[in-house]
Amino acid sequence: MAAPAKRTLRSVKPDEKPVRKRALNVAQAAKTGDQLALLIALRDRIAREIAALDCPPRDLASLSRKLIEIGKEIEAIKLRKKQLDDETNDDIDDSWDEEAL
């Protein structure tokens, strides 16, 4: 899995608007090496295919099944990341000890 990008904080100007993050297509997501980004791109692509009026009925069942599988994989990855973040934050000792000074 690719290392997360380093984020820096900065103040925003009153007239500044948030920059919208563009969704990656499947090829772009594959190049990043990020499994979650790839699954999200695949999910979005399959959802567009299912919603298209020209989607062949013979493909609808398999695409729907794949869409559900990918959704479950995305949720599993997000849950694992959240659990890892929670475990990392559990190591922080926030207790105050007056005598430590």
N, C-alpha and C. Protein backbone atom coordinates (compact mmCIF):
# COMPACT_ATOMS: atom_id res chain seq x y z
N MET A 1 0.84 -1.17 0.00
CA MET A 1 0.00 0.00 0.00
C MET A 1 0.89 1.24 0.00
N ALA A 2 0.47 2.25 -0.74
CA ALA A 2 1.25 3.47 -0.84
C ALA A 2 1.20 4.25 0.46
N ALA A 3 2.28 4.97 0.74
CA ALA A 3 2.34 5.78 1.95
C ALA A 3 1.39 6.96 1.80
N PRO A 4 0.71 7.36 2.87
CA PRO A 4 -0.20 8.48 2.78
C PRO A 4 0.56 9.77 2.51
N ALA A 5 -0.07 10.64 1.75
CA ALA A 5 0.55 11.92 1.42
C ALA A 5 0.65 12.78 2.67
N LYS A 6 1.75 13.53 2.80
CA LYS A 6 1.93 14.39 3.96
C LYS A 6 1.04 15.61 3.80
N ARG A 7 0.28 15.90 4.83
CA ARG A 7 -0.62 17.04 4.80
C ARG A 7 -0.06 18.14 5.69
N THR A 8 -0.17 19.35 5.23
CA THR A 8 0.25 20.48 6.03
C THR A 8 -0.95 21.38 6.28
N LEU A 9 -0.99 21.98 7.44
CA LEU A 9 -2.07 22.89 7.79
C LEU A 9 -1.67 24.31 7.44
N ARG A 10 -2.65 25.07 7.04
CA ARG A 10 -2.42 26.47 6.75
C ARG A 10 -3.73 27.21 6.96
N SER A 11 -3.63 28.51 7.14
CA SER A 11 -4.86 29.29 7.30
C SER A 11 -5.44 29.57 5.92
N VAL A 12 -6.74 29.69 5.87
CA VAL A 12 -7.41 29.98 4.61
C VAL A 12 -7.88 31.42 4.60
N LYS A 13 -7.93 31.98 3.44
CA LYS A 13 -8.38 33.35 3.28
C LYS A 13 -9.90 33.37 3.30
N PRO A 14 -10.50 34.47 3.74
CA PRO A 14 -11.97 34.53 3.83
C PRO A 14 -12.68 34.26 2.50
N ASP A 15 -12.08 34.66 1.39
CA ASP A 15 -12.73 34.47 0.09
C ASP A 15 -12.31 33.17 -0.61
N GLU A 16 -11.50 32.37 0.06
CA GLU A 16 -10.99 31.14 -0.55
C GLU A 16 -12.04 30.04 -0.49
N LYS A 17 -12.21 29.35 -1.63
CA LYS A 17 -13.16 28.24 -1.70
C LYS A 17 -12.40 26.93 -1.65
N PRO A 18 -13.01 25.90 -1.08
CA PRO A 18 -12.31 24.61 -0.99
C PRO A 18 -12.10 24.00 -2.38
N VAL A 19 -10.97 23.35 -2.52
CA VAL A 19 -10.65 22.69 -3.79
C VAL A 19 -11.29 21.31 -3.74
N ARG A 20 -12.08 21.01 -4.75
CA ARG A 20 -12.74 19.70 -4.80
C ARG A 20 -11.75 18.67 -5.31
N LYS A 21 -11.71 17.56 -4.62
CA LYS A 21 -10.83 16.47 -5.02
C LYS A 21 -11.48 15.73 -6.18
N ARG A 22 -10.76 15.60 -7.29
CA ARG A 22 -11.30 14.92 -8.46
C ARG A 22 -11.20 13.42 -8.29
N ALA A 23 -12.24 12.75 -8.69
CA ALA A 23 -12.24 11.29 -8.62
C ALA A 23 -11.30 10.74 -9.70
N LEU A 24 -10.57 9.71 -9.34
CA LEU A 24 -9.65 9.07 -10.28
C LEU A 24 -10.40 8.07 -11.14
N ASN A 25 -9.98 7.94 -12.41
CA ASN A 25 -10.54 6.86 -13.20
C ASN A 25 -9.77 5.59 -12.86
N VAL A 26 -10.19 4.46 -13.42
CA VAL A 26 -9.60 3.18 -13.04
C VAL A 26 -8.11 3.14 -13.36
N ALA A 27 -7.71 3.63 -14.52
CA ALA A 27 -6.29 3.61 -14.90
C ALA A 27 -5.45 4.47 -13.96
N GLN A 28 -5.94 5.66 -13.63
CA GLN A 28 -5.20 6.55 -12.72
C GLN A 28 -5.09 5.93 -11.34
N ALA A 29 -6.17 5.33 -10.87
CA ALA A 29 -6.17 4.70 -9.55
C ALA A 29 -5.20 3.52 -9.51
N ALA A 30 -5.14 2.76 -10.59
CA ALA A 30 -4.23 1.61 -10.64
C ALA A 30 -2.79 2.08 -10.57
N LYS A 31 -2.49 3.20 -11.20
CA LYS A 31 -1.11 3.72 -11.19
C LYS A 31 -0.67 4.17 -9.81
N THR A 32 -1.62 4.59 -8.97
CA THR A 32 -1.24 5.06 -7.63
C THR A 32 -0.78 3.92 -6.73
N GLY A 33 -1.26 2.72 -7.01
CA GLY A 33 -0.90 1.59 -6.16
C GLY A 33 -1.74 1.53 -4.89
N ASP A 34 -2.70 2.41 -4.75
CA ASP A 34 -3.57 2.46 -3.58
C ASP A 34 -4.78 1.57 -3.83
N GLN A 35 -4.88 0.48 -3.09
CA GLN A 35 -5.96 -0.49 -3.28
C GLN A 35 -7.33 0.14 -3.07
N LEU A 36 -7.46 0.99 -2.06
CA LEU A 36 -8.75 1.64 -1.79
C LEU A 36 -9.16 2.54 -2.95
N ALA A 37 -8.23 3.33 -3.46
CA ALA A 37 -8.54 4.21 -4.59
C ALA A 37 -8.96 3.40 -5.81
N LEU A 38 -8.30 2.28 -6.04
CA LEU A 38 -8.65 1.42 -7.17
C LEU A 38 -10.05 0.85 -7.01
N LEU A 39 -10.37 0.37 -5.83
CA LEU A 39 -11.70 -0.19 -5.59
C LEU A 39 -12.79 0.87 -5.74
N ILE A 40 -12.52 2.07 -5.28
CA ILE A 40 -13.50 3.15 -5.41
C ILE A 40 -13.71 3.50 -6.88
N ALA A 41 -12.63 3.56 -7.65
CA ALA A 41 -12.75 3.85 -9.08
C ALA A 41 -13.52 2.74 -9.79
N LEU A 42 -13.25 1.49 -9.45
CA LEU A 42 -13.98 0.37 -10.04
C LEU A 42 -15.46 0.42 -9.67
N ARG A 43 -15.74 0.72 -8.40
CA ARG A 43 -17.13 0.83 -7.95
C ARG A 43 -17.88 1.89 -8.75
N ASP A 44 -17.24 3.05 -8.91
CA ASP A 44 -17.88 4.14 -9.64
C ASP A 44 -18.10 3.78 -11.11
N ARG A 45 -17.12 3.11 -11.71
CA ARG A 45 -17.23 2.70 -13.12
C ARG A 45 -18.36 1.70 -13.31
N ILE A 46 -18.43 0.70 -12.43
CA ILE A 46 -19.48 -0.31 -12.54
C ILE A 46 -20.85 0.32 -12.29
N ALA A 47 -20.94 1.23 -11.34
CA ALA A 47 -22.21 1.90 -11.06
C ALA A 47 -22.68 2.69 -12.28
N ARG A 48 -21.76 3.35 -12.98
CA ARG A 48 -22.13 4.08 -14.20
C ARG A 48 -22.63 3.11 -15.27
N GLU A 49 -21.98 1.95 -15.39
CA GLU A 49 -22.40 0.96 -16.38
C GLU A 49 -23.80 0.44 -16.08
N ILE A 50 -24.07 0.17 -14.81
CA ILE A 50 -25.39 -0.33 -14.42
C ILE A 50 -26.46 0.72 -14.70
N ALA A 51 -26.15 1.97 -14.43
CA ALA A 51 -27.12 3.05 -14.61
C ALA A 51 -27.34 3.43 -16.07
N ALA A 52 -26.40 3.04 -16.94
CA ALA A 52 -26.52 3.39 -18.36
C ALA A 52 -27.74 2.70 -18.97
N LEU A 53 -28.43 3.42 -19.82
CA LEU A 53 -29.62 2.86 -20.46
C LEU A 53 -29.28 1.72 -21.41
N ASP A 54 -28.06 1.71 -21.93
CA ASP A 54 -27.69 0.66 -22.89
C ASP A 54 -26.98 -0.53 -22.23
N CYS A 55 -27.07 -0.66 -20.91
CA CYS A 55 -26.46 -1.80 -20.21
C CYS A 55 -27.23 -3.06 -20.58
N PRO A 56 -26.55 -4.04 -21.17
CA PRO A 56 -27.25 -5.27 -21.57
C PRO A 56 -27.81 -6.00 -20.35
N PRO A 57 -29.05 -6.45 -20.43
CA PRO A 57 -29.67 -7.17 -19.30
C PRO A 57 -28.86 -8.39 -18.86
N ARG A 58 -28.17 -9.05 -19.79
CA ARG A 58 -27.38 -10.24 -19.44
C ARG A 58 -26.21 -9.88 -18.52
N ASP A 59 -25.76 -8.61 -18.57
CA ASP A 59 -24.63 -8.17 -17.74
C ASP A 59 -25.07 -7.58 -16.40
N LEU A 60 -26.33 -7.24 -16.30
CA LEU A 60 -26.81 -6.53 -15.12
C LEU A 60 -26.62 -7.31 -13.83
N ALA A 61 -26.92 -8.59 -13.83
CA ALA A 61 -26.80 -9.39 -12.60
C ALA A 61 -25.35 -9.50 -12.15
N SER A 62 -24.44 -9.80 -13.08
CA SER A 62 -23.04 -9.97 -12.69
C SER A 62 -22.42 -8.64 -12.26
N LEU A 63 -22.79 -7.55 -12.94
CA LEU A 63 -22.28 -6.24 -12.55
C LEU A 63 -22.81 -5.84 -11.17
N SER A 64 -24.07 -6.13 -10.92
CA SER A 64 -24.66 -5.80 -9.61
C SER A 64 -23.97 -6.59 -8.50
N ARG A 65 -23.73 -7.86 -8.75
CA ARG A 65 -23.05 -8.71 -7.76
C ARG A 65 -21.64 -8.18 -7.49
N LYS A 66 -20.93 -7.82 -8.56
CA LYS A 66 -19.57 -7.29 -8.41
C LYS A 66 -19.59 -5.97 -7.65
N LEU A 67 -20.57 -5.14 -7.92
CA LEU A 67 -20.70 -3.85 -7.23
C LEU A 67 -20.86 -4.06 -5.73
N ILE A 68 -21.67 -5.03 -5.34
CA ILE A 68 -21.88 -5.33 -3.92
C ILE A 68 -20.59 -5.85 -3.30
N GLU A 69 -19.87 -6.74 -4.00
CA GLU A 69 -18.61 -7.28 -3.49
C GLU A 69 -17.58 -6.18 -3.27
N ILE A 70 -17.47 -5.29 -4.25
CA ILE A 70 -16.50 -4.20 -4.15
C ILE A 70 -16.87 -3.27 -2.99
N GLY A 71 -18.16 -3.01 -2.82
CA GLY A 71 -18.61 -2.17 -1.70
C GLY A 71 -18.21 -2.77 -0.36
N LYS A 72 -18.33 -4.09 -0.23
CA LYS A 72 -17.93 -4.76 1.01
C LYS A 72 -16.42 -4.66 1.23
N GLU A 73 -15.65 -4.80 0.15
CA GLU A 73 -14.18 -4.69 0.27
C GLU A 73 -13.78 -3.28 0.70
N ILE A 74 -14.44 -2.28 0.13
CA ILE A 74 -14.15 -0.89 0.49
C ILE A 74 -14.43 -0.67 1.98
N GLU A 75 -15.58 -1.14 2.44
CA GLU A 75 -15.93 -0.98 3.85
C GLU A 75 -14.93 -1.70 4.76
N ALA A 76 -14.48 -2.89 4.35
CA ALA A 76 -13.51 -3.64 5.15
C ALA A 76 -12.18 -2.89 5.26
N ILE A 77 -11.73 -2.31 4.16
CA ILE A 77 -10.47 -1.55 4.17
C ILE A 77 -10.61 -0.32 5.05
N LYS A 78 -11.73 0.39 4.92
CA LYS A 78 -11.95 1.59 5.75
C LYS A 78 -12.01 1.23 7.23
N LEU A 79 -12.65 0.10 7.55
CA LEU A 79 -12.73 -0.33 8.94
C LEU A 79 -11.34 -0.68 9.48
N ARG A 80 -10.53 -1.38 8.67
CA ARG A 80 -9.17 -1.71 9.09
C ARG A 80 -8.35 -0.46 9.34
N LYS A 81 -8.47 0.53 8.44
CA LYS A 81 -7.73 1.79 8.62
C LYS A 81 -8.17 2.50 9.90
N LYS A 82 -9.49 2.50 10.16
CA LYS A 82 -10.00 3.16 11.36
C LYS A 82 -9.48 2.44 12.61
N GLN A 83 -9.47 1.12 12.59
CA GLN A 83 -8.98 0.36 13.73
C GLN A 83 -7.50 0.62 13.96
N LEU A 84 -6.72 0.70 12.88
CA LEU A 84 -5.30 1.01 13.02
C LEU A 84 -5.09 2.40 13.59
N ASP A 85 -5.89 3.36 13.13
CA ASP A 85 -5.80 4.72 13.67
C ASP A 85 -6.16 4.75 15.15
N ASP A 86 -7.20 4.01 15.52
CA ASP A 86 -7.62 3.96 16.92
C ASP A 86 -6.53 3.32 17.79
N GLU A 87 -5.90 2.25 17.29
CA GLU A 87 -4.83 1.60 18.04
C GLU A 87 -3.65 2.54 18.22
N THR A 88 -3.33 3.30 17.18
CA THR A 88 -2.22 4.24 17.25
C THR A 88 -2.52 5.34 18.27
N ASN A 89 -3.75 5.81 18.29
CA ASN A 89 -4.13 6.87 19.22
C ASN A 89 -4.23 6.37 20.65
N ASP A 90 -4.43 5.07 20.85
CA ASP A 90 -4.51 4.52 22.21
C ASP A 90 -3.17 4.59 22.93
N ASP A 91 -2.08 4.65 22.19
CA ASP A 91 -0.75 4.66 22.78
C ASP A 91 -0.39 6.01 23.39
N ILE A 92 -1.15 7.03 23.09
CA ILE A 92 -0.84 8.37 23.57
C ILE A 92 -1.26 8.49 25.04
N ASP A 93 -0.33 8.95 25.87
CA ASP A 93 -0.60 9.12 27.30
C ASP A 93 -0.99 10.57 27.54
N ASP A 94 -2.27 10.80 27.73
CA ASP A 94 -2.77 12.16 27.93
C ASP A 94 -2.92 12.52 29.40
N SER A 95 -2.54 11.64 30.29
CA SER A 95 -2.74 11.93 31.71
C SER A 95 -1.73 12.99 32.17
N TRP A 96 -2.18 13.82 33.07
CA TRP A 96 -1.35 14.92 33.58
C TRP A 96 -0.78 14.51 34.92
N ASP A 97 0.52 14.68 35.04
CA ASP A 97 1.19 14.37 36.30
C ASP A 97 1.90 15.63 36.77
N GLU A 98 1.37 16.23 37.81
CA GLU A 98 1.92 17.48 38.34
C GLU A 98 3.37 17.31 38.78
N GLU A 99 3.71 16.15 39.30
CA GLU A 99 5.06 15.92 39.81
C GLU A 99 6.08 15.65 38.70
N ALA A 100 5.62 15.50 37.50
CA ALA A 100 6.54 15.26 36.40
C ALA A 100 7.33 16.52 36.06
N LEU A 101 6.85 17.65 36.51
CA LEU A 101 7.54 18.92 36.23
C LEU A 101 8.70 19.06 37.09
